[in-house]
Amino acid sequence: FVVLAHVRLDAYAVWRNLSILFNAVIWVWALQRRIEFHRWIAVGACLAGSVFNSVGADGSIVIDAALSGVLLSALISSMAAVFNERVIKSKEAVSLNIDQVNLLLYSQTLTLMLVGLLIYGLMQGLPSLSDIYHILAGITPGAWKIMGMQVAMGISVSRVLKYADAVAKT
């Protein structure tokens, strides 16, 4: 949320697409698969487009301070996607239902996030409600719209995949 409050929305949309690069690199490393040369060219073009988006009209490079948060978000999302695929396609996961695997991964992710927030809160001092309100008030309406759109897309895609899987089985 903090990243969306401080980054230009066009930069967020473009740099967040570097998850394609992160997916490709992690996929090759974690799943021991090969990617064809023409696909690497496409990934490189995506990277070049992201870099060109940061060049201003006068030739200066414009990089927001929150860019590292956007790239970290893309990296974590890519890691989750690739390792989720690795777990689901492993031989040990044959007896697990996809819903059980997702429940396990989501609960572990939330637990890690809560432990991280707790450690941060203990080190920095727990925030008051006014501090939390101040952070949330800094998020622009456009950022709220992007978050809402991503939630809606996630729910929609999960429903489509659930019913597509059921149709494929019949």
Protein backbone atom coordinates (compact mmCIF):
# COMPACT_ATOMS: atom_id res chain seq x y z
CA PHE A 1 0.00 0.00 0.00
CA VAL A 2 2.80 2.39 0.88
CA VAL A 3 4.47 1.79 -2.49
CA LEU A 4 1.27 2.61 -4.39
CA ALA A 5 0.89 5.81 -2.37
CA HIS A 6 4.31 7.12 -3.44
CA VAL A 7 4.96 5.81 -6.95
CA ARG A 8 3.73 7.26 -10.23
CA LEU A 9 0.97 4.96 -11.46
CA ASP A 10 2.39 4.74 -14.98
CA ALA A 11 5.76 3.71 -13.55
CA TYR A 12 4.03 1.15 -11.33
CA ALA A 13 2.18 -0.41 -14.24
CA VAL A 14 5.31 -0.61 -16.42
CA TRP A 15 7.84 -1.72 -13.82
CA ARG A 16 5.43 -4.25 -12.31
CA ASN A 17 5.57 -6.04 -15.67
CA LEU A 18 9.16 -7.00 -14.87
CA SER A 19 7.53 -9.95 -13.15
CA ILE A 20 7.76 -11.48 -16.65
CA LEU A 21 11.57 -11.30 -16.42
CA PHE A 22 11.57 -12.58 -12.84
CA ASN A 23 9.21 -15.43 -13.81
CA ALA A 24 11.47 -16.47 -16.67
CA VAL A 25 14.67 -16.43 -14.63
CA ILE A 26 13.19 -18.19 -11.59
CA TRP A 27 11.35 -20.68 -13.81
CA VAL A 28 14.60 -21.68 -15.55
CA TRP A 29 16.44 -21.91 -12.21
CA ALA A 30 13.80 -23.60 -10.02
CA LEU A 31 12.14 -25.91 -12.54
CA GLN A 32 15.30 -26.70 -14.53
CA ARG A 33 13.54 -25.88 -17.80
CA ARG A 34 14.81 -24.16 -20.92
CA ILE A 35 13.30 -21.11 -22.57
CA GLU A 36 13.70 -20.64 -26.30
CA PHE A 37 15.87 -17.81 -27.60
CA HIS A 38 12.98 -15.85 -29.13
CA ARG A 39 11.25 -15.81 -25.74
CA TRP A 40 14.37 -14.39 -24.10
CA ILE A 41 14.32 -11.66 -26.77
CA ALA A 42 10.72 -10.87 -25.80
CA VAL A 43 11.68 -10.73 -22.11
CA GLY A 44 14.57 -8.41 -22.99
CA ALA A 45 12.21 -6.18 -24.97
CA CYS A 46 9.95 -5.97 -21.92
CA LEU A 47 12.96 -4.93 -19.81
CA ALA A 48 14.01 -2.36 -22.41
CA GLY A 49 10.48 -0.92 -22.49
CA SER A 50 10.50 -0.55 -18.72
CA VAL A 51 13.83 1.26 -18.83
CA PHE A 52 12.68 3.56 -21.66
CA ASN A 53 9.62 4.49 -19.60
CA SER A 54 11.97 5.95 -16.98
CA VAL A 55 13.70 8.29 -19.45
CA GLY A 56 12.29 11.80 -19.32
CA ALA A 57 11.63 14.06 -22.31
CA ASP A 58 14.95 15.85 -21.74
CA GLY A 59 16.91 12.57 -21.59
CA SER A 60 17.20 12.42 -17.82
CA ILE A 61 16.41 9.22 -15.99
CA VAL A 62 13.36 9.54 -13.75
CA ILE A 63 13.23 6.93 -10.99
CA ASP A 64 10.86 7.12 -8.04
CA ALA A 65 12.05 6.19 -4.57
CA ALA A 66 9.26 3.60 -4.38
CA LEU A 67 10.58 1.79 -7.47
CA SER A 68 12.45 -0.70 -5.31
CA GLY A 69 9.16 -1.58 -3.60
CA VAL A 70 7.51 -2.19 -6.98
CA LEU A 71 10.38 -4.42 -8.09
CA LEU A 72 10.32 -6.30 -4.78
CA SER A 73 6.58 -6.82 -5.18
CA ALA A 74 7.09 -8.18 -8.71
CA LEU A 75 9.91 -10.46 -7.52
CA ILE A 76 7.90 -11.88 -4.61
CA SER A 77 4.87 -12.43 -6.84
CA SER A 78 7.01 -14.24 -9.40
CA MET A 79 8.67 -16.39 -6.76
CA ALA A 80 5.27 -17.36 -5.39
CA ALA A 81 3.94 -18.26 -8.84
CA VAL A 82 6.93 -20.39 -9.85
CA PHE A 83 7.30 -22.18 -6.53
CA ASN A 84 3.55 -22.76 -6.40
CA GLU A 85 3.84 -24.49 -9.78
CA ARG A 86 6.84 -26.47 -8.57
CA VAL A 87 4.97 -27.68 -5.49
CA ILE A 88 1.81 -28.56 -7.40
CA LYS A 89 3.68 -30.50 -10.09
CA SER A 90 5.94 -32.39 -7.69
CA LYS A 91 5.46 -36.11 -7.05
CA GLU A 92 4.84 -35.47 -3.35
CA ALA A 93 1.84 -33.27 -4.17
CA VAL A 94 -0.05 -35.97 -6.08
CA SER A 95 -2.21 -36.77 -3.06
CA LEU A 96 -2.93 -33.10 -2.32
CA ASN A 97 -5.91 -31.26 -3.73
CA ILE A 98 -5.18 -27.87 -5.35
CA ASP A 99 -7.37 -26.16 -2.75
CA GLN A 100 -5.35 -27.77 0.04
CA VAL A 101 -2.07 -26.60 -1.51
CA ASN A 102 -3.39 -23.06 -1.95
CA LEU A 103 -4.70 -22.97 1.61
CA LEU A 104 -1.33 -24.14 2.89
CA LEU A 105 0.60 -21.57 0.84
CA TYR A 106 -1.71 -18.69 1.74
CA SER A 107 -1.61 -19.51 5.45
CA GLN A 108 2.18 -19.76 5.43
CA THR A 109 2.47 -16.48 3.55
CA LEU A 110 0.15 -14.69 5.96
CA THR A 111 1.99 -16.15 8.93
CA LEU A 112 5.34 -14.95 7.59
CA MET A 113 3.88 -11.49 6.91
CA LEU A 114 2.40 -11.25 10.41
CA VAL A 115 5.65 -12.40 12.05
CA GLY A 116 7.57 -9.84 9.99
CA LEU A 117 5.15 -7.07 10.97
CA LEU A 118 5.34 -8.12 14.60
CA ILE A 119 9.15 -8.04 14.59
CA TYR A 120 9.11 -4.66 12.85
CA GLY A 121 6.57 -3.36 15.36
CA LEU A 122 8.62 -4.56 18.31
CA MET A 123 11.77 -2.98 16.92
CA GLN A 124 10.24 0.33 15.81
CA GLY A 125 7.44 0.63 18.32
CA LEU A 126 3.87 -0.40 17.64
CA PRO A 127 1.95 2.19 15.57
CA SER A 128 -1.12 3.92 16.90
CA LEU A 129 -4.42 4.01 15.04
CA SER A 130 -3.70 7.58 13.94
CA ASP A 131 -0.40 6.41 12.38
CA ILE A 132 -2.24 3.71 10.44
CA TYR A 133 -4.89 6.21 9.32
CA HIS A 134 -2.15 8.62 8.21
CA ILE A 135 -0.50 5.91 6.08
CA LEU A 136 -3.80 4.86 4.48
CA ALA A 137 -4.83 8.49 3.89
CA GLY A 138 -1.73 8.95 1.73
CA ILE A 139 -2.91 6.40 -0.81
CA THR A 140 -4.34 8.10 -3.87
CA PRO A 141 -7.74 7.18 -5.34
CA GLY A 142 -5.95 5.75 -8.39
CA ALA A 143 -3.93 3.43 -6.17
CA TRP A 144 -7.13 2.24 -4.44
CA LYS A 145 -8.62 1.54 -7.86
CA ILE A 146 -5.57 -0.52 -8.89
CA MET A 147 -5.75 -2.54 -5.66
CA GLY A 148 -9.47 -3.14 -6.15
CA MET A 149 -8.94 -4.16 -9.76
CA GLN A 150 -6.20 -6.64 -8.78
CA VAL A 151 -8.43 -8.17 -6.10
CA ALA A 152 -11.33 -8.48 -8.55
CA MET A 153 -9.06 -10.01 -11.21
CA GLY A 154 -7.63 -12.51 -8.72
CA ILE A 155 -11.08 -13.62 -7.62
CA SER A 156 -12.33 -13.80 -11.21
CA VAL A 157 -9.35 -15.80 -12.45
CA SER A 158 -9.63 -18.24 -9.53
CA ARG A 159 -13.32 -18.85 -10.32
CA VAL A 160 -12.62 -19.29 -14.04
CA LEU A 161 -9.82 -21.76 -13.31
CA LYS A 162 -11.99 -23.68 -10.86
CA TYR A 163 -14.84 -24.10 -13.34
CA ALA A 164 -12.50 -24.69 -16.30
CA ASP A 165 -10.92 -27.51 -14.32
CA ALA A 166 -14.36 -28.96 -13.55
CA VAL A 167 -15.36 -28.76 -17.24
CA ALA A 168 -12.13 -30.45 -18.31
CA LYS A 169 -12.81 -33.37 -15.95
CA THR A 170 -16.31 -34.05 -17.34
